[in-house]
Amino acid sequence: MGTADKSPKKAAGEVVISVRGLVVAFGKKRVMDGLNIDIRRGEIMGFIGPSGSGKSVLMRSILGLVQKTAGTIRAFGEDLDQISAIERRGLERRWGVLFQQGALFSSLTVLQNIQVPMREYWHISQRLMDELAISKLALVGLSADAAMKYPSELSGGMIKRAALARALALDPEIVFLDEPSSGLDPIGAGEFDDLIATLSKTLGLSVFMVTHDLGSLFRVCDRIAALGEGKIIADGDIDAMMKSDIPWIKAYFHGGRAESVVSGRSKTN
């Protein structure tokens, strides 16, 4: 398996997202129980954990789609509980989101889907929106021919790329990716990983990536955080994860499914 073009280990940079003491409960069940984590500018950070450990809940809590019970979430230095609705909208323009299945609007063309956030946050001409949307398609490796297609006419890989183009519509500083390689074949998943790595490097994007894909963790992630029992149980680069003695992490990175990934990695190093 090839490896994406990654820079040497990145020095600790500015914290763009900071979570402290996060508690999220559904009824009597606490999914987040005092969770702490920082995401730094320019890094690709992968979030892993058993099913139901709260990876997507953490992402949605930061985005304000899930209500927290306690704790503090700061984005770009601002406490999200202490800012006005107008200030919140300003912050939201600085992030983009790709949901697991793409979440494209089926009744809109690809071009129109990419323009949804533009219409919500910008007051620009239709001609300029069209030009910007086409440029976003090119950025994610789709041709202009895809612009007038509907989601039902796209392959799984094209849907992911179109959804990523929409996430990039407002030139965000951080993108949130929920299982970005889910549903893709190994070749398509690898190509999407390479795209994420390239965009992070060229645009200086921070990436918050929820994933189960071992290939993605090895190929593109600068840092990995493992969730368990409502907290971050480990946080470090891929080598730190490989050396961890925590039972779940050890099973995850040294189990049968991991063998081919690790073997492929060793051949490319």
Protein backbone atom coordinates (compact mmCIF):
# COMPACT_ATOMS: atom_id res chain seq x y z
CA MET A 1 0.00 0.00 0.00
CA GLY A 2 1.32 3.44 -0.89
CA THR A 3 1.65 6.29 1.54
CA ALA A 4 0.34 9.82 1.19
CA ASP A 5 2.86 12.64 0.97
CA LYS A 6 3.14 13.67 4.60
CA SER A 7 5.47 16.17 6.15
CA PRO A 8 7.72 15.16 9.07
CA LYS A 9 6.03 15.21 12.46
CA LYS A 10 4.41 18.58 12.94
CA ALA A 11 5.38 20.71 15.87
CA ALA A 12 2.65 21.55 18.35
CA GLY A 13 0.78 24.50 16.87
CA GLU A 14 -2.11 26.77 17.70
CA VAL A 15 -5.10 25.01 19.24
CA VAL A 16 -8.14 25.55 17.02
CA ILE A 17 -10.59 23.34 18.96
CA SER A 18 -10.34 22.77 22.72
CA VAL A 19 -12.70 20.53 24.69
CA ARG A 20 -12.59 20.37 28.49
CA GLY A 21 -14.70 18.31 30.86
CA LEU A 22 -17.28 17.43 28.19
CA VAL A 23 -20.30 15.52 29.46
CA VAL A 24 -23.04 14.33 27.09
CA ALA A 25 -25.86 12.12 28.31
CA PHE A 26 -28.79 10.42 26.61
CA GLY A 27 -31.21 9.72 29.41
CA LYS A 28 -29.22 8.05 32.17
CA LYS A 29 -26.43 6.94 29.85
CA ARG A 30 -23.34 9.17 29.77
CA VAL A 31 -21.68 8.93 26.37
CA MET A 32 -19.10 11.62 27.17
CA ASP A 33 -17.92 11.69 30.78
CA GLY A 34 -15.43 14.49 31.36
CA LEU A 35 -13.65 14.26 27.99
CA ASN A 36 -10.67 16.53 27.23
CA ILE A 37 -9.01 17.00 23.83
CA ASP A 38 -7.27 19.65 21.70
CA ILE A 39 -7.08 19.82 17.91
CA ARG A 40 -4.21 21.89 16.52
CA ARG A 41 -3.94 23.97 13.38
CA GLY A 42 -2.79 22.07 10.32
CA GLU A 43 -2.94 18.56 11.76
CA ILE A 44 -4.99 15.58 10.63
CA MET A 45 -6.40 13.97 13.74
CA GLY A 46 -8.14 10.61 13.68
CA PHE A 47 -10.67 9.54 16.29
CA ILE A 48 -11.16 5.84 16.94
CA GLY A 49 -13.00 3.72 19.47
CA PRO A 50 -15.43 0.81 19.83
CA SER A 51 -18.90 1.20 18.36
CA GLY A 52 -20.95 3.38 20.68
CA SER A 53 -17.90 5.01 22.26
CA GLY A 54 -19.08 8.46 21.17
CA LYS A 55 -16.81 9.41 18.26
CA SER A 56 -19.58 10.95 16.19
CA VAL A 57 -21.25 12.34 19.33
CA LEU A 58 -18.06 14.22 20.13
CA MET A 59 -17.98 15.70 16.63
CA ARG A 60 -21.65 16.67 16.75
CA SER A 61 -21.23 18.19 20.21
CA ILE A 62 -18.50 20.48 18.91
CA LEU A 63 -20.71 21.42 15.96
CA GLY A 64 -23.64 22.18 18.28
CA LEU A 65 -25.81 19.40 16.84
CA VAL A 66 -25.87 17.50 20.16
CA GLN A 67 -26.52 19.30 23.43
CA LYS A 68 -23.90 18.84 26.13
CA THR A 69 -24.66 18.47 29.83
CA ALA A 70 -21.44 20.04 31.09
CA GLY A 71 -18.01 21.13 29.97
CA THR A 72 -16.45 23.79 27.78
CA ILE A 73 -15.89 23.82 24.04
CA ARG A 74 -13.69 26.52 22.52
CA ALA A 75 -13.30 27.11 18.79
CA PHE A 76 -10.58 29.47 17.59
CA GLY A 77 -10.20 30.67 21.17
CA GLU A 78 -13.90 31.48 21.67
CA ASP A 79 -16.04 29.76 24.32
CA LEU A 80 -19.07 28.61 22.32
CA ASP A 81 -21.32 29.13 25.36
CA GLN A 82 -20.27 32.75 25.77
CA ILE A 83 -20.69 34.13 22.25
CA SER A 84 -23.74 35.65 20.56
CA ALA A 85 -25.70 34.00 17.74
CA ILE A 86 -24.08 36.37 15.23
CA GLU A 87 -20.60 35.52 16.52
CA ARG A 88 -21.49 31.83 16.37
CA ARG A 89 -22.44 32.16 12.69
CA GLY A 90 -19.09 33.83 12.08
CA LEU A 91 -17.28 30.88 13.64
CA GLU A 92 -19.34 28.35 11.69
CA ARG A 93 -18.08 29.87 8.46
CA ARG A 94 -14.62 28.77 9.51
CA TRP A 95 -15.43 25.04 9.51
CA GLY A 96 -16.84 22.56 7.03
CA VAL A 97 -18.49 19.18 7.60
CA LEU A 98 -18.64 15.95 5.60
CA PHE A 99 -21.21 13.55 7.09
CA GLN A 100 -20.87 9.79 6.75
CA GLN A 101 -23.09 9.23 3.72
CA GLY A 102 -22.32 12.58 2.16
CA ALA A 103 -25.76 14.01 3.06
CA LEU A 104 -26.16 15.67 -0.33
CA PHE A 105 -29.63 17.04 -1.11
CA SER A 106 -31.07 14.57 -3.62
CA SER A 107 -33.24 17.19 -5.36
CA LEU A 108 -30.28 19.50 -6.03
CA THR A 109 -27.50 19.15 -8.58
CA VAL A 110 -23.91 18.84 -7.41
CA LEU A 111 -23.38 22.51 -8.28
CA GLN A 112 -26.43 23.55 -6.25
CA ASN A 113 -25.35 21.39 -3.30
CA ILE A 114 -21.96 23.09 -3.17
CA GLN A 115 -23.68 26.48 -3.29
CA VAL A 116 -25.94 25.81 -0.28
CA PRO A 117 -23.48 27.21 2.31
CA MET A 118 -22.58 30.05 -0.07
CA ARG A 119 -26.22 31.13 -0.22
CA GLU A 120 -26.55 30.91 3.54
CA TYR A 121 -23.47 32.95 4.46
CA TRP A 122 -22.51 35.07 1.45
CA HIS A 123 -24.26 37.72 -0.65
CA ILE A 124 -22.63 37.26 -4.05
CA SER A 125 -23.85 36.97 -7.63
CA GLN A 126 -25.00 33.70 -9.16
CA ARG A 127 -22.19 33.92 -11.71
CA LEU A 128 -19.56 34.18 -8.99
CA MET A 129 -21.16 31.31 -7.05
CA ASP A 130 -21.05 29.16 -10.18
CA GLU A 131 -17.36 29.95 -10.71
CA LEU A 132 -16.51 29.23 -7.08
CA ALA A 133 -18.45 25.96 -7.06
CA ILE A 134 -16.68 24.75 -10.21
CA SER A 135 -13.34 25.63 -8.61
CA LYS A 136 -14.26 23.52 -5.56
CA LEU A 137 -15.09 20.59 -7.84
CA ALA A 138 -11.64 20.85 -9.41
CA LEU A 139 -10.09 21.04 -5.94
CA VAL A 140 -11.52 17.63 -5.02
CA GLY A 141 -10.72 16.02 -8.35
CA LEU A 142 -14.12 16.16 -10.05
CA SER A 143 -14.59 17.48 -13.58
CA ALA A 144 -16.96 20.32 -14.45
CA ASP A 145 -19.20 17.69 -16.10
CA ALA A 146 -20.23 16.50 -12.64
CA ALA A 147 -21.70 19.91 -11.76
CA MET A 148 -25.10 19.33 -13.34
CA LYS A 149 -25.51 15.74 -12.19
CA TYR A 150 -27.78 14.74 -9.33
CA PRO A 151 -26.52 12.62 -6.40
CA SER A 152 -28.37 9.57 -7.75
CA GLU A 153 -26.19 9.75 -10.87
CA LEU A 154 -22.91 9.64 -8.95
CA SER A 155 -20.75 6.76 -7.78
CA GLY A 156 -19.97 6.40 -4.10
CA GLY A 157 -16.55 7.96 -4.54
CA MET A 158 -17.99 10.89 -6.49
CA ILE A 159 -20.59 11.50 -3.78
CA LYS A 160 -17.82 11.71 -1.17
CA ARG A 161 -15.86 14.16 -3.30
CA ALA A 162 -18.92 16.29 -4.04
CA ALA A 163 -19.75 16.38 -0.33
CA LEU A 164 -16.17 17.37 0.43
CA ALA A 165 -16.40 20.15 -2.16
CA ARG A 166 -19.46 21.45 -0.30
CA ALA A 167 -17.58 21.22 3.02
CA LEU A 168 -14.85 23.38 1.44
CA ALA A 169 -17.29 25.88 -0.08
CA LEU A 170 -16.53 28.67 2.41
CA ASP A 171 -12.76 28.09 2.52
CA PRO A 172 -12.82 26.70 6.09
CA GLU A 173 -9.86 26.39 8.43
CA ILE A 174 -10.98 23.02 9.82
CA VAL A 175 -13.03 20.21 8.29
CA PHE A 176 -14.92 17.55 10.21
CA LEU A 177 -15.08 14.17 8.45
CA ASP A 178 -17.38 11.41 9.72
CA GLU A 179 -16.19 8.03 8.36
CA PRO A 180 -15.01 9.55 5.05
CA SER A 181 -13.89 6.23 3.53
CA SER A 182 -17.03 4.32 4.56
CA GLY A 183 -18.57 2.51 1.59
CA LEU A 184 -15.54 2.99 -0.66
CA ASP A 185 -13.48 0.16 -2.12
CA PRO A 186 -9.81 -0.01 -1.03
CA ILE A 187 -8.57 1.88 -4.09
CA GLY A 188 -11.21 4.59 -3.71
CA ALA A 189 -10.50 4.87 0.01
CA GLY A 190 -6.78 5.23 -0.63
CA GLU A 191 -7.38 7.94 -3.25
CA PHE A 192 -9.64 9.81 -0.84
CA ASP A 193 -6.99 9.58 1.88
CA ASP A 194 -4.44 11.07 -0.50
CA LEU A 195 -6.86 13.88 -1.34
CA ILE A 196 -7.35 14.72 2.34
CA ALA A 197 -3.59 14.73 2.94
CA THR A 198 -2.98 16.96 -0.07
CA LEU A 199 -5.70 19.44 0.90
CA SER A 200 -4.43 19.61 4.48
CA LYS A 201 -0.91 20.30 3.28
CA THR A 202 -1.72 22.81 0.52
CA LEU A 203 -4.54 24.68 2.29
CA GLY A 204 -3.23 24.40 5.85
CA LEU A 205 -6.45 22.66 6.89
CA SER A 206 -6.97 21.10 10.29
CA VAL A 207 -8.86 17.81 9.95
CA PHE A 208 -11.06 16.14 12.58
CA MET A 209 -11.65 12.62 11.22
CA VAL A 210 -13.84 9.97 12.79
CA THR A 211 -12.81 6.66 11.23
CA HIS A 212 -12.67 2.88 11.56
CA ASP A 213 -10.31 2.63 8.59
CA LEU A 214 -6.87 1.40 9.63
CA GLY A 215 -5.49 2.40 6.25
CA SER A 216 -6.51 6.02 6.81
CA LEU A 217 -4.89 6.05 10.25
CA PHE A 218 -1.59 4.78 8.86
CA ARG A 219 -1.62 6.85 5.68
CA VAL A 220 -2.63 10.34 6.71
CA CYS A 221 -3.17 10.91 10.43
CA ASP A 222 -0.61 13.00 12.32
CA ARG A 223 -2.25 12.13 15.63
CA ILE A 224 -4.86 9.64 16.83
CA ALA A 225 -7.19 9.84 19.82
CA ALA A 226 -8.88 6.69 21.12
CA LEU A 227 -12.19 6.99 22.98
CA GLY A 228 -13.38 4.67 25.70
CA GLU A 229 -15.72 4.94 28.68
CA GLY A 230 -16.58 8.52 27.75
CA LYS A 231 -13.00 9.79 27.78
CA ILE A 232 -9.86 9.90 25.66
CA ILE A 233 -7.96 6.79 26.74
CA ALA A 234 -4.93 7.39 24.50
CA ASP A 235 -3.64 10.23 22.33
CA GLY A 236 -0.55 10.11 20.12
CA ASP A 237 0.91 9.31 16.71
CA ILE A 238 0.62 5.94 14.99
CA ASP A 239 3.83 4.64 16.58
CA ALA A 240 2.48 5.44 20.06
CA MET A 241 -0.73 3.57 19.22
CA MET A 242 1.24 0.55 18.01
CA LYS A 243 3.15 0.45 21.31
CA SER A 244 0.10 0.93 23.54
CA ASP A 245 -0.66 -1.73 26.17
CA ILE A 246 -4.32 -0.72 26.47
CA PRO A 247 -6.21 -3.93 25.58
CA TRP A 248 -8.68 -2.47 23.05
CA ILE A 249 -5.99 -0.43 21.27
CA LYS A 250 -3.64 -3.40 21.23
CA ALA A 251 -6.33 -5.61 19.70
CA TYR A 252 -7.26 -2.92 17.18
CA PHE A 253 -3.73 -2.32 15.88
CA HIS A 254 -2.41 -5.86 16.18
CA GLY A 255 -5.48 -7.93 15.28
CA GLY A 256 -5.90 -9.99 12.13
CA ARG A 257 -7.36 -7.14 10.06
CA ALA A 258 -4.40 -4.93 10.95
CA GLU A 259 -1.75 -7.39 9.79
CA SER A 260 -2.02 -6.60 6.08
CA VAL A 261 -1.99 -2.86 6.73
CA VAL A 262 1.08 -3.06 8.95
CA SER A 263 2.80 -5.38 6.46
CA GLY A 264 2.08 -2.99 3.60
CA ARG A 265 3.37 -0.08 5.65
CA SER A 266 6.65 -1.81 6.44
CA LYS A 267 7.25 -2.49 2.74
CA THR A 268 6.93 1.19 1.86
CA ASN A 269 9.22 2.43 4.68
